[in-house]
Amino acid sequence: MPVIAPMPATRPARIPGQRDGAEDTAPAAVVGTTVDHLTETYRAHYRSLLGLAALLLDDTASCEDVVQEAFIRVHSARKRVRDPEKTLAYLRQTVVNLSRSALRRRILGLKLLSKPMPDMASAEEGAYDSLERRDLIKAMKGLQRRQREVLVLRYFADMTEAQVAETLGVSLGSVKAYGSRGIAALRIAMEATR
């Protein structure tokens, strides 16, 4: 089996300010932003981040949630923020992206909601009801005055027979008689219109 020789080691690049032959004893630079810097940036710019989210979303609770989530996400990815001066830019971009996602979820939710049946009657039903109402009014006008008064008070004003008798100043038997004759006359008049 052939033996693969390792690549020859190359000389490390010279660090500015380092003398030739001096060993590199300096600790490796920390890559990314620190937790303290991120926290301080968040505290200092919380209101502006909230205002940015408010421009994209409509309710305060969603805005606060988005800003908190942005901080959590940038915190977990802080090692990728190589330049600490760009921490605020990362926070802003994350707020914008999370706001867009929230809007997409809302739109999708609205599309998926089942559409309720309308409470209004259809145009045909409305037209039919209008014709029936007009025929009923015409038939009511054709009744005797006492029959019309009894039916209007009994069925449209929702009075009892005793209340109708008291209102019209007639006996309870007269109310029953006028009501019965009036309904019979209405039935005949309505059937004639059909």
Protein backbone atom coordinates (compact mmCIF):
# COMPACT_ATOMS: atom_id res chain seq x y z
CA MET A 1 0.00 0.00 0.00
CA PRO A 2 1.44 3.37 -0.94
CA VAL A 3 2.27 5.75 1.85
CA ILE A 4 0.98 9.28 1.46
CA ALA A 5 3.41 11.80 2.77
CA PRO A 6 2.00 14.77 4.65
CA MET A 7 2.23 18.17 3.04
CA PRO A 8 5.22 20.12 4.17
CA ALA A 9 4.39 22.59 6.87
CA THR A 10 4.37 26.15 5.72
CA ARG A 11 5.67 28.95 7.77
CA PRO A 12 2.83 30.85 9.50
CA ALA A 13 2.13 34.33 8.28
CA ARG A 14 3.99 37.08 10.06
CA ILE A 15 1.85 39.12 12.45
CA PRO A 16 2.52 42.86 12.20
CA GLY A 17 4.59 44.05 15.12
CA GLN A 18 6.04 40.60 15.75
CA ARG A 19 9.77 40.18 15.53
CA ASP A 20 11.26 37.42 13.51
CA GLY A 21 11.89 34.35 15.58
CA ALA A 22 9.56 35.45 18.37
CA GLU A 23 6.93 32.90 19.27
CA ASP A 24 3.27 33.79 19.12
CA THR A 25 2.23 33.80 22.78
CA ALA A 26 -0.79 36.12 22.39
CA PRO A 27 -4.15 34.43 22.95
CA ALA A 28 -6.35 33.91 19.93
CA ALA A 29 -8.74 36.79 19.27
CA VAL A 30 -12.33 36.12 20.19
CA VAL A 31 -14.37 35.80 17.04
CA GLY A 32 -17.82 37.40 17.15
CA THR A 33 -19.55 39.82 19.41
CA THR A 34 -19.60 39.32 23.15
CA VAL A 35 -22.71 38.68 25.22
CA ASP A 36 -22.14 41.93 27.10
CA HIS A 37 -21.88 43.95 23.89
CA LEU A 38 -24.97 42.30 22.45
CA THR A 39 -26.94 42.92 25.65
CA GLU A 40 -25.85 46.55 25.79
CA THR A 41 -26.77 47.09 22.13
CA TYR A 42 -30.16 45.50 22.74
CA ARG A 43 -30.86 47.68 25.78
CA ALA A 44 -29.77 50.86 24.04
CA HIS A 45 -31.82 50.22 20.87
CA TYR A 46 -34.84 48.32 22.21
CA ARG A 47 -37.28 51.17 21.52
CA SER A 48 -36.03 51.74 17.99
CA LEU A 49 -36.26 47.99 17.28
CA LEU A 50 -39.79 47.98 18.68
CA GLY A 51 -40.64 50.96 16.45
CA LEU A 52 -39.26 49.11 13.43
CA ALA A 53 -41.43 46.11 14.19
CA ALA A 54 -44.44 48.41 14.73
CA LEU A 55 -44.03 49.76 11.21
CA LEU A 56 -44.43 46.25 9.87
CA LEU A 57 -46.91 44.74 12.34
CA ASP A 58 -50.06 46.15 13.85
CA ASP A 59 -50.22 45.06 17.47
CA THR A 60 -47.84 45.76 20.34
CA ALA A 61 -47.71 42.18 21.62
CA SER A 62 -46.53 40.85 18.25
CA CYS A 63 -43.93 43.62 18.02
CA GLU A 64 -42.54 42.78 21.45
CA ASP A 65 -42.46 39.08 20.59
CA VAL A 66 -40.58 39.76 17.36
CA VAL A 67 -37.97 41.95 19.08
CA GLN A 68 -37.42 39.37 21.83
CA GLU A 69 -37.10 36.57 19.28
CA ALA A 70 -34.63 38.68 17.28
CA PHE A 71 -32.44 39.09 20.37
CA ILE A 72 -32.56 35.36 21.08
CA ARG A 73 -31.62 34.47 17.51
CA VAL A 74 -28.77 36.96 17.28
CA HIS A 75 -27.57 35.85 20.72
CA SER A 76 -27.40 32.22 19.59
CA ALA A 77 -25.56 33.23 16.40
CA ARG A 78 -23.33 35.90 17.96
CA LYS A 79 -20.12 34.15 16.91
CA ARG A 80 -21.04 34.84 13.28
CA VAL A 81 -21.21 38.57 13.96
CA ARG A 82 -17.52 39.17 13.34
CA ASP A 83 -17.63 42.94 13.64
CA PRO A 84 -19.22 44.01 16.94
CA GLU A 85 -20.18 47.31 15.31
CA LYS A 86 -22.60 45.41 13.07
CA THR A 87 -24.57 43.90 15.97
CA LEU A 88 -27.32 46.49 15.64
CA ALA A 89 -27.57 45.85 11.91
CA TYR A 90 -27.98 42.13 12.57
CA LEU A 91 -30.68 42.84 15.15
CA ARG A 92 -32.55 45.15 12.75
CA GLN A 93 -32.41 42.67 9.89
CA THR A 94 -33.62 39.87 12.16
CA VAL A 95 -36.55 42.04 13.34
CA VAL A 96 -37.52 42.72 9.71
CA ASN A 97 -37.27 39.03 8.75
CA LEU A 98 -39.29 37.87 11.77
CA SER A 99 -41.95 40.54 11.08
CA ARG A 100 -42.27 39.29 7.52
CA SER A 101 -42.65 35.73 8.77
CA ALA A 102 -45.34 36.80 11.24
CA LEU A 103 -47.26 38.55 8.45
CA ARG A 104 -46.98 35.49 6.21
CA ARG A 105 -48.38 33.28 8.97
CA ARG A 106 -51.29 35.67 9.49
CA ILE A 107 -52.12 35.79 5.80
CA LEU A 108 -51.96 32.02 5.56
CA GLY A 109 -54.17 31.70 8.62
CA LEU A 110 -56.74 34.04 7.11
CA LYS A 111 -56.74 32.06 3.88
CA LEU A 112 -57.22 28.78 5.70
CA LEU A 113 -60.08 29.99 7.89
CA SER A 114 -63.36 28.58 6.77
CA LYS A 115 -65.59 31.25 5.39
CA PRO A 116 -68.88 31.44 7.31
CA MET A 117 -72.15 31.36 5.48
CA PRO A 118 -73.62 34.82 5.04
CA ASP A 119 -76.44 35.78 7.38
CA MET A 120 -78.23 37.71 4.68
CA ALA A 121 -80.83 36.11 2.49
CA SER A 122 -80.05 35.68 -1.16
CA ALA A 123 -81.30 38.23 -3.65
CA GLU A 124 -84.06 35.87 -4.76
CA GLU A 125 -85.24 35.33 -1.20
CA GLY A 126 -85.16 39.07 -0.54
CA ALA A 127 -87.21 39.78 -3.65
CA TYR A 128 -89.71 37.05 -2.74
CA ASP A 129 -90.02 38.38 0.83
CA SER A 130 -90.60 41.88 -0.52
CA LEU A 131 -93.37 40.65 -2.81
CA GLU A 132 -95.00 38.70 0.02
CA ARG A 133 -94.83 41.70 2.33
CA ARG A 134 -96.39 43.93 -0.31
CA ASP A 135 -99.19 41.39 -0.92
CA LEU A 136 -99.80 41.07 2.84
CA ILE A 137 -100.06 44.85 3.26
CA LYS A 138 -102.48 45.03 0.33
CA ALA A 139 -104.58 42.20 1.82
CA MET A 140 -104.54 43.87 5.28
CA LYS A 141 -105.86 47.08 3.75
CA GLY A 142 -108.78 45.07 2.31
CA LEU A 143 -109.91 43.88 5.78
CA GLN A 144 -112.59 45.53 7.89
CA ARG A 145 -111.21 48.18 10.26
CA ARG A 146 -111.79 46.12 13.47
CA GLN A 147 -110.33 42.94 11.94
CA ARG A 148 -107.21 44.87 10.84
CA GLU A 149 -106.82 46.50 14.28
CA VAL A 150 -107.13 43.16 16.11
CA LEU A 151 -104.62 41.40 13.82
CA VAL A 152 -102.10 44.24 13.98
CA LEU A 153 -102.25 44.48 17.77
CA ARG A 154 -102.30 40.70 18.27
CA TYR A 155 -99.58 39.60 15.84
CA PHE A 156 -97.47 42.64 15.01
CA ALA A 157 -97.55 44.35 18.43
CA ASP A 158 -97.41 40.90 20.12
CA MET A 159 -100.25 41.63 22.57
CA THR A 160 -102.37 39.02 24.29
CA GLU A 161 -106.07 38.80 23.46
CA ALA A 162 -106.92 40.37 26.84
CA GLN A 163 -104.57 43.32 26.15
CA VAL A 164 -106.11 43.81 22.68
CA ALA A 165 -109.63 43.76 24.20
CA GLU A 166 -108.61 46.36 26.78
CA THR A 167 -106.87 48.56 24.19
CA LEU A 168 -109.80 48.53 21.76
CA GLY A 169 -112.47 48.66 24.46
CA VAL A 170 -114.24 45.50 23.27
CA SER A 171 -114.96 42.14 24.86
CA LEU A 172 -112.57 39.20 24.75
CA GLY A 173 -115.09 37.24 22.62
CA SER A 174 -115.20 40.09 20.07
CA VAL A 175 -111.38 40.04 19.80
CA LYS A 176 -111.45 36.28 19.12
CA ALA A 177 -114.20 36.67 16.54
CA TYR A 178 -112.55 39.61 14.72
CA GLY A 179 -109.21 37.78 14.77
CA SER A 180 -110.63 34.54 13.41
CA ARG A 181 -112.58 36.28 10.61
CA GLY A 182 -109.61 38.49 9.78
CA ILE A 183 -107.21 35.54 9.40
CA ALA A 184 -109.73 33.70 7.19
CA ALA A 185 -110.11 36.79 4.98
CA LEU A 186 -106.31 37.22 4.79
CA ARG A 187 -105.84 33.58 3.79
CA ILE A 188 -108.33 33.98 0.93
CA ALA A 189 -106.77 37.26 -0.22
CA MET A 190 -103.21 35.84 -0.15
CA GLU A 191 -104.19 32.70 -2.06
CA ALA A 192 -105.81 34.87 -4.73
CA THR A 193 -102.48 36.68 -5.34
CA ARG A 194 -100.58 33.44 -5.98
